[in-house]
C-alpha atoms as a PDB file:
ATOM      1  CA  UNK A   1      25.347 228.436  49.180  1.00  0.00           C
ATOM      2  CA  UNK A   2      28.615 229.647  47.531  1.00  0.00           C
ATOM      3  CA  UNK A   3      26.594 231.946  45.244  1.00  0.00           C
ATOM      4  CA  UNK A   4      24.786 233.365  48.268  1.00  0.00           C
ATOM      5  CA  UNK A   5      28.037 234.154  50.024  1.00  0.00           C
ATOM      6  CA  UNK A   6      29.422 235.720  46.895  1.00  0.00           C
ATOM      7  CA  UNK A   7      26.303 237.812  46.455  1.00  0.00           C
ATOM      8  CA  UNK A   8      26.542 239.027  50.008  1.00  0.00           C
ATOM      9  CA  UNK A   9      30.176 240.027  49.590  1.00  0.00           C
ATOM     10  CA  UNK A  10      29.401 241.876  46.338  1.00  0.00           C
ATOM     11  CA  UNK A  11      26.569 243.759  47.996  1.00  0.00           C
ATOM     12  CA  UNK A  12      28.984 245.066  50.589  1.00  0.00           C
ATOM     13  CA  UNK A  13      31.394 246.532  48.092  1.00  0.00           C
ATOM     14  CA  UNK A  14      29.539 249.615  46.792  1.00  0.00           C
ATOM     15  CA  UNK A  15      28.698 250.922  50.275  1.00  0.00           C
ATOM     16  CA  UNK A  16      32.216 250.104  51.542  1.00  0.00           C
ATOM     17  CA  UNK A  17      33.778 252.054  48.657  1.00  0.00           C
ATOM     18  CA  UNK A  18      31.315 254.960  49.055  1.00  0.00           C
ATOM     19  CA  UNK A  19      31.889 255.250  52.857  1.00  0.00           C
ATOM     20  CA  UNK A  20      35.697 255.117  52.456  1.00  0.00           C
ATOM     21  CA  UNK A  21      35.625 257.659  49.653  1.00  0.00           C
ATOM     22  CA  UNK A  22      33.500 260.063  51.744  1.00  0.00           C
ATOM     23  CA  UNK A  23      35.828 259.677  54.716  1.00  0.00           C
ATOM     24  CA  UNK A  24      38.834 260.507  52.555  1.00  0.00           C
ATOM     25  CA  UNK A  25      37.112 263.483  50.969  1.00  0.00           C
ATOM     26  CA  UNK A  26      36.054 264.820  54.398  1.00  0.00           C
ATOM     27  CA  UNK A  27      39.613 264.373  55.719  1.00  0.00           C
ATOM     28  CA  UNK A  28      41.094 266.226  52.724  1.00  0.00           C
ATOM     29  CA  UNK A  29      38.536 269.001  53.206  1.00  0.00           C
ATOM     30  CA  UNK A  30      39.356 269.215  56.857  1.00  0.00           C
ATOM     31  CA  UNK A  31      43.081 269.598  56.154  1.00  0.00           C
ATOM     32  CA  UNK A  32      42.354 272.359  53.630  1.00  0.00           C
ATOM     33  CA  UNK A  33      39.947 274.105  56.016  1.00  0.00           C
ATOM     34  CA  UNK A  34      42.427 274.114  58.954  1.00  0.00           C
ATOM     35  CA  UNK A  35      45.277 275.392  56.647  1.00  0.00           C
ATOM     36  CA  UNK A  36      43.360 278.521  55.535  1.00  0.00           C
ATOM     37  CA  UNK A  37      41.053 279.288  58.529  1.00  0.00           C
ATOM     38  CA  UNK A  38      41.996 280.923  61.788  1.00  0.00           C
ATOM     39  CA  UNK A  39      40.646 278.887  64.672  1.00  0.00           C
ATOM     40  CA  UNK A  40      37.841 280.400  66.763  1.00  0.00           C
ATOM     41  CA  UNK A  41      34.653 279.056  68.308  1.00  0.00           C
ATOM     42  CA  UNK A  42      32.744 278.878  65.026  1.00  0.00           C
ATOM     43  CA  UNK A  43      35.568 277.209  63.138  1.00  0.00           C
ATOM     44  CA  UNK A  44      36.045 274.877  66.073  1.00  0.00           C
ATOM     45  CA  UNK A  45      32.416 273.687  65.719  1.00  0.00           C
ATOM     46  CA  UNK A  46      32.951 273.193  62.023  1.00  0.00           C
ATOM     47  CA  UNK A  47      36.091 271.121  62.648  1.00  0.00           C
ATOM     48  CA  UNK A  48      34.267 269.043  65.205  1.00  0.00           C
ATOM     49  CA  UNK A  49      31.448 268.386  62.735  1.00  0.00           C
ATOM     50  CA  UNK A  50      33.838 267.213  60.104  1.00  0.00           C
ATOM     51  CA  UNK A  51      35.689 264.938  62.561  1.00  0.00           C
ATOM     52  CA  UNK A  52      32.341 263.477  63.622  1.00  0.00           C
ATOM     53  CA  UNK A  53      31.389 262.868  59.998  1.00  0.00           C
ATOM     54  CA  UNK A  54      34.740 261.181  59.344  1.00  0.00           C
ATOM     55  CA  UNK A  55      34.253 259.003  62.366  1.00  0.00           C
ATOM     56  CA  UNK A  56      30.752 257.975  61.182  1.00  0.00           C
ATOM     57  CA  UNK A  57      32.009 257.127  57.697  1.00  0.00           C
ATOM     58  CA  UNK A  58      34.859 255.064  59.047  1.00  0.00           C
ATOM     59  CA  UNK A  59      32.553 253.207  61.389  1.00  0.00           C
ATOM     60  CA  UNK A  60      30.174 252.644  58.462  1.00  0.00           C
ATOM     61  CA  UNK A  61      32.944 251.220  56.365  1.00  0.00           C
ATOM     62  CA  UNK A  62      34.016 248.945  59.271  1.00  0.00           C
ATOM     63  CA  UNK A  63      30.597 247.549  60.066  1.00  0.00           C
ATOM     64  CA  UNK A  64      29.834 246.955  56.373  1.00  0.00           C
ATOM     65  CA  UNK A  65      33.086 244.983  55.992  1.00  0.00           C
ATOM     66  CA  UNK A  66      32.569 242.935  59.170  1.00  0.00           C
ATOM     67  CA  UNK A  67      28.817 242.638  59.436  1.00  0.00           C
ATOM     68  CA  UNK A  68      27.162 239.191  59.760  1.00  0.00           C
ATOM     69  CA  UNK A  69      25.285 237.619  56.911  1.00  0.00           C
ATOM     70  CA  UNK A  70      21.555 238.215  57.065  1.00  0.00           C
ATOM     71  CA  UNK A  71      19.306 235.528  58.458  1.00  0.00           C
ATOM     72  CA  UNK A  72      16.306 236.897  56.564  1.00  0.00           C
ATOM     73  CA  UNK A  73      15.495 239.769  54.187  1.00  0.00           C
ATOM     74  CA  UNK A  74      12.486 241.486  52.668  1.00  0.00           C
ATOM     75  CA  UNK A  75      11.491 240.163  49.254  1.00  0.00           C
ATOM     76  CA  UNK A  76      10.618 242.205  46.217  1.00  0.00           C
ATOM     77  CA  UNK A  77      11.990 245.360  44.637  1.00  0.00           C
ATOM     78  CA  UNK A  78      10.084 247.968  46.654  1.00  0.00           C
ATOM     79  CA  UNK A  79      11.984 247.423  49.948  1.00  0.00           C
ATOM     80  CA  UNK A  80      15.282 247.819  48.102  1.00  0.00           C
ATOM     81  CA  UNK A  81      14.171 250.972  46.342  1.00  0.00           C
ATOM     82  CA  UNK A  82      12.917 252.467  49.575  1.00  0.00           C
ATOM     83  CA  UNK A  83      16.115 251.594  51.392  1.00  0.00           C
ATOM     84  CA  UNK A  84      18.321 253.188  48.738  1.00  0.00           C
ATOM     85  CA  UNK A  85      16.141 256.311  48.342  1.00  0.00           C
ATOM     86  CA  UNK A  86      15.806 256.765  52.119  1.00  0.00           C
ATOM     87  CA  UNK A  87      19.611 256.433  52.507  1.00  0.00           C
ATOM     88  CA  UNK A  88      20.906 258.542  49.619  1.00  0.00           C
ATOM     89  CA  UNK A  89      18.158 260.767  48.098  1.00  0.00           C
ATOM     90  CA  UNK A  90      18.796 263.741  50.341  1.00  0.00           C
ATOM     91  CA  UNK A  91      22.347 264.015  49.211  1.00  0.00           C
ATOM     92  CA  UNK A  92      20.992 265.385  45.976  1.00  0.00           C
ATOM     93  CA  UNK A  93      20.294 268.708  47.606  1.00  0.00           C
ATOM     94  CA  UNK A  94      23.925 269.708  47.150  1.00  0.00           C
ATOM     95  CA  UNK A  95      23.081 270.124  43.475  1.00  0.00           C
ATOM     96  CA  UNK A  96      20.813 273.021  44.308  1.00  0.00           C
ATOM     97  CA  UNK A  97      21.934 276.669  44.891  1.00  0.00           C
ATOM     98  CA  UNK A  98      23.152 277.407  48.416  1.00  0.00           C
ATOM     99  CA  UNK A  99      21.572 280.617  49.835  1.00  0.00           C
ATOM    100  CA  UNK A 100      23.424 282.879  52.149  1.00  0.00           C
ATOM    101  CA  UNK A 101      22.525 282.187  55.801  1.00  0.00           C
ATOM    102  CA  UNK A 102      22.795 284.496  58.790  1.00  0.00           C
ATOM    103  CA  UNK A 103      25.422 283.552  61.347  1.00  0.00           C
ATOM    104  CA  UNK A 104      22.768 282.318  63.766  1.00  0.00           C
ATOM    105  CA  UNK A 105      21.116 280.103  61.189  1.00  0.00           C
ATOM    106  CA  UNK A 106      24.496 278.809  60.049  1.00  0.00           C
ATOM    107  CA  UNK A 107      25.277 277.884  63.647  1.00  0.00           C
ATOM    108  CA  UNK A 108      21.947 276.111  64.148  1.00  0.00           C
ATOM    109  CA  UNK A 109      22.439 274.210  60.897  1.00  0.00           C
ATOM    110  CA  UNK A 110      25.988 273.172  61.858  1.00  0.00           C
ATOM    111  CA  UNK A 111      24.879 272.170  65.340  1.00  0.00           C
ATOM    112  CA  UNK A 112      22.092 269.984  63.983  1.00  0.00           C
ATOM    113  CA  UNK A 113      24.466 268.257  61.550  1.00  0.00           C
ATOM    114  CA  UNK A 114      26.977 267.718  64.435  1.00  0.00           C
ATOM    115  CA  UNK A 115      24.428 266.373  66.922  1.00  0.00           C
ATOM    116  CA  UNK A 116      22.739 264.165  64.314  1.00  0.00           C
ATOM    117  CA  UNK A 117      26.008 262.764  62.926  1.00  0.00           C
ATOM    118  CA  UNK A 118      27.416 262.163  66.405  1.00  0.00           C
ATOM    119  CA  UNK A 119      24.148 260.332  67.402  1.00  0.00           C
ATOM    120  CA  UNK A 120      24.222 258.301  64.220  1.00  0.00           C
ATOM    121  CA  UNK A 121      27.864 257.309  64.882  1.00  0.00           C
ATOM    122  CA  UNK A 122      27.012 256.153  68.468  1.00  0.00           C
ATOM    123  CA  UNK A 123      24.045 254.217  67.195  1.00  0.00           C
ATOM    124  CA  UNK A 124      26.041 252.656  64.405  1.00  0.00           C
ATOM    125  CA  UNK A 125      28.619 251.522  66.948  1.00  0.00           C
ATOM    126  CA  UNK A 126      25.773 249.929  69.007  1.00  0.00           C
ATOM    127  CA  UNK A 127      24.506 248.128  65.936  1.00  0.00           C
ATOM    128  CA  UNK A 128      27.884 246.789  64.994  1.00  0.00           C
ATOM    129  CA  UNK A 129      27.633 243.707  62.787  1.00  0.00           C
ATOM    130  CA  UNK A 130      23.837 243.948  62.637  1.00  0.00           C
ATOM    131  CA  UNK A 131      23.880 247.061  60.504  1.00  0.00           C
ATOM    132  CA  UNK A 132      22.233 246.922  57.108  1.00  0.00           C
ATOM    133  CA  UNK A 133      20.985 249.334  54.460  1.00  0.00           C
ATOM    134  CA  UNK A 134      18.382 246.931  53.162  1.00  0.00           C
ATOM    135  CA  UNK A 135      15.448 245.474  55.172  1.00  0.00           C
ATOM    136  CA  UNK A 136      17.300 242.491  56.629  1.00  0.00           C
ATOM    137  CA  UNK A 137      17.611 240.727  59.991  1.00  0.00           C
ATOM    138  CA  UNK A 138      20.794 239.687  61.640  1.00  0.00           C
ATOM    139  CA  UNK A 139      20.810 240.028  65.401  1.00  0.00           C
ATOM    140  CA  UNK A 140      18.129 241.888  67.361  1.00  0.00           C
ATOM    141  CA  UNK A 141      19.620 244.941  69.053  1.00  0.00           C
ATOM    142  CA  UNK A 142      17.455 246.439  71.840  1.00  0.00           C
ATOM    143  CA  UNK A 143      20.140 247.929  74.091  1.00  0.00           C
ATOM    144  CA  UNK A 144      21.841 251.382  74.129  1.00  0.00           C
ATOM    145  CA  UNK A 145      19.788 253.996  72.214  1.00  0.00           C
ATOM    146  CA  UNK A 146      17.436 251.169  71.191  1.00  0.00           C
ATOM    147  CA  UNK A 147      16.054 251.125  74.697  1.00  0.00           C
ATOM    148  CA  UNK A 148      14.382 254.498  74.008  1.00  0.00           C
ATOM    149  CA  UNK A 149      13.317 254.311  70.358  1.00  0.00           C
ATOM    150  CA  UNK A 150      13.162 251.491  67.835  1.00  0.00           C
ATOM    151  CA  UNK A 151      14.929 253.372  65.078  1.00  0.00           C
ATOM    152  CA  UNK A 152      17.491 255.733  66.654  1.00  0.00           C
ATOM    153  CA  UNK A 153      19.680 255.642  63.599  1.00  0.00           C
ATOM    154  CA  UNK A 154      16.918 257.044  61.359  1.00  0.00           C
ATOM    155  CA  UNK A 155      16.067 259.634  64.040  1.00  0.00           C
ATOM    156  CA  UNK A 156      19.613 260.912  64.310  1.00  0.00           C
ATOM    157  CA  UNK A 157      20.071 260.826  60.510  1.00  0.00           C
ATOM    158  CA  UNK A 158      16.971 262.980  60.073  1.00  0.00           C
ATOM    159  CA  UNK A 159      18.337 265.539  62.564  1.00  0.00           C
ATOM    160  CA  UNK A 160      21.527 265.787  60.482  1.00  0.00           C
ATOM    161  CA  UNK A 161      19.457 265.882  57.252  1.00  0.00           C
ATOM    162  CA  UNK A 162      17.430 268.773  58.501  1.00  0.00           C
ATOM    163  CA  UNK A 163      20.536 270.713  59.318  1.00  0.00           C
ATOM    164  CA  UNK A 164      21.851 270.043  55.838  1.00  0.00           C
ATOM    165  CA  UNK A 165      18.440 271.077  54.359  1.00  0.00           C
ATOM    166  CA  UNK A 166      18.796 274.427  56.129  1.00  0.00           C
ATOM    167  CA  UNK A 167      21.902 275.169  54.061  1.00  0.00           C
ATOM    168  CA  UNK A 168      20.089 274.583  50.788  1.00  0.00           C
ATOM    169  CA  UNK A 169      16.526 275.563  51.793  1.00  0.00           C
ATOM    170  CA  UNK A 170      14.070 276.090  48.957  1.00  0.00           C
ATOM    171  CA  UNK A 171      10.710 274.739  47.821  1.00  0.00           C
ATOM    172  CA  UNK A 172      12.480 272.119  45.714  1.00  0.00           C
ATOM    173  CA  UNK A 173      14.815 270.888  48.481  1.00  0.00           C
ATOM    174  CA  UNK A 174      11.818 270.845  50.917  1.00  0.00           C
ATOM    175  CA  UNK A 175      10.063 268.517  48.349  1.00  0.00           C
ATOM    176  CA  UNK A 176      13.237 266.336  48.237  1.00  0.00           C
ATOM    177  CA  UNK A 177      13.379 266.118  51.988  1.00  0.00           C
ATOM    178  CA  UNK A 178       9.646 265.241  52.250  1.00  0.00           C
ATOM    179  CA  UNK A 179      10.029 262.461  49.620  1.00  0.00           C
ATOM    180  CA  UNK A 180      13.127 261.145  51.416  1.00  0.00           C
ATOM    181  CA  UNK A 181      11.311 261.042  54.744  1.00  0.00           C
ATOM    182  CA  UNK A 182       8.359 259.224  53.173  1.00  0.00           C
ATOM    183  CA  UNK A 183      10.837 256.565  51.909  1.00  0.00           C
ATOM    184  CA  UNK A 184      12.311 256.374  55.418  1.00  0.00           C
ATOM    185  CA  UNK A 185       8.906 255.655  56.860  1.00  0.00           C
ATOM    186  CA  UNK A 186       8.336 252.938  54.317  1.00  0.00           C
ATOM    187  CA  UNK A 187      11.795 251.586  55.058  1.00  0.00           C
ATOM    188  CA  UNK A 188      10.875 251.402  58.770  1.00  0.00           C
ATOM    189  CA  UNK A 189       7.712 249.455  57.902  1.00  0.00           C
ATOM    190  CA  UNK A 190       9.689 246.973  55.779  1.00  0.00           C
ATOM    191  CA  UNK A 191      12.351 246.425  58.419  1.00  0.00           C
ATOM    192  CA  UNK A 192       9.830 245.964  61.181  1.00  0.00           C
ATOM    193  CA  UNK A 193       8.007 243.300  59.052  1.00  0.00           C
ATOM    194  CA  UNK A 194      11.213 241.333  58.708  1.00  0.00           C
ATOM    195  CA  UNK A 195      12.139 241.656  62.359  1.00  0.00           C
ATOM    196  CA  UNK A 196       8.665 240.675  63.600  1.00  0.00           C
ATOM    197  CA  UNK A 197       8.703 237.558  61.391  1.00  0.00           C
ATOM    198  CA  UNK A 198      12.160 236.460  62.599  1.00  0.00           C
ATOM    199  CA  UNK A 199      12.339 237.528  66.191  1.00  0.00           C
ATOM    200  CA  UNK A 200       9.295 236.484  68.384  1.00  0.00           C
ATOM    201  CA  UNK A 201      10.363 238.878  71.136  1.00  0.00           C
ATOM    202  CA  UNK A 202      10.178 241.888  68.762  1.00  0.00           C
ATOM    203  CA  UNK A 203       6.429 242.211  69.229  1.00  0.00           C
ATOM    204  CA  UNK A 204       6.787 242.915  72.898  1.00  0.00           C
ATOM    205  CA  UNK A 205       9.635 245.298  72.235  1.00  0.00           C
ATOM    206  CA  UNK A 206       7.386 247.186  69.750  1.00  0.00           C
ATOM    207  CA  UNK A 207       4.665 247.553  72.255  1.00  0.00           C
ATOM    208  CA  UNK A 208       7.017 249.042  74.946  1.00  0.00           C
ATOM    209  CA  UNK A 209       9.263 251.232  72.739  1.00  0.00           C
ATOM    210  CA  UNK A 210       8.404 254.250  70.597  1.00  0.00           C
ATOM    211  CA  UNK A 211       9.181 254.072  66.923  1.00  0.00           C
ATOM    212  CA  UNK A 212      11.005 257.462  66.624  1.00  0.00           C
ATOM    213  CA  UNK A 213       9.813 259.914  69.286  1.00  0.00           C
ATOM    214  CA  UNK A 214       9.086 258.655  72.848  1.00  0.00           C
ATOM    215  CA  UNK A 215       5.481 259.473  73.884  1.00  0.00           C
ATOM    216  CA  UNK A 216       4.622 260.824  70.373  1.00  0.00           C
ATOM    217  CA  UNK A 217       5.336 258.172  67.641  1.00  0.00           C
END
């Protein structure tokens, strides 16, 4: 039992450090941006996007630190690989060249990132101590945005990811995004298997709630 508790605490540490580091980097970038940029509508949207990202990262650090211990988890290596690849693979696009975008495309990209990150932050707040990167079960959350779709966090993350993709669009980054989304779909399958096995009421919830897009999927 003590080894299980120690393992759970150690598994929180990398994500906690990463989320805190990202929040600090975003905050430092925001300070630098506001010091050298005259404020107008476009820069205001950019500042709002950064503030939303900082909020999401701080929420992520908080729920990771305070989350409950899992009551069950998927076994094997594949669910863990899928979870990590689905969560972090897309960040690799920043290693690719960034093409020049028109002002309109830049605004669309920024707006998608803003909307997706804000939605992810609200969903993360709703999840609270039930949040997990891996396919695990803690408490069944079916309120808030979960009334409309079974995986609102993945939906909002993909909205933000598409906005980020627009800023590095190429055949290679499109391939990265496709692979990342495939891992997300596999991640959804793994999570739903764990939730179905541990919450009898989840089957009825599945039948009455769309996976990602109401009326479509």
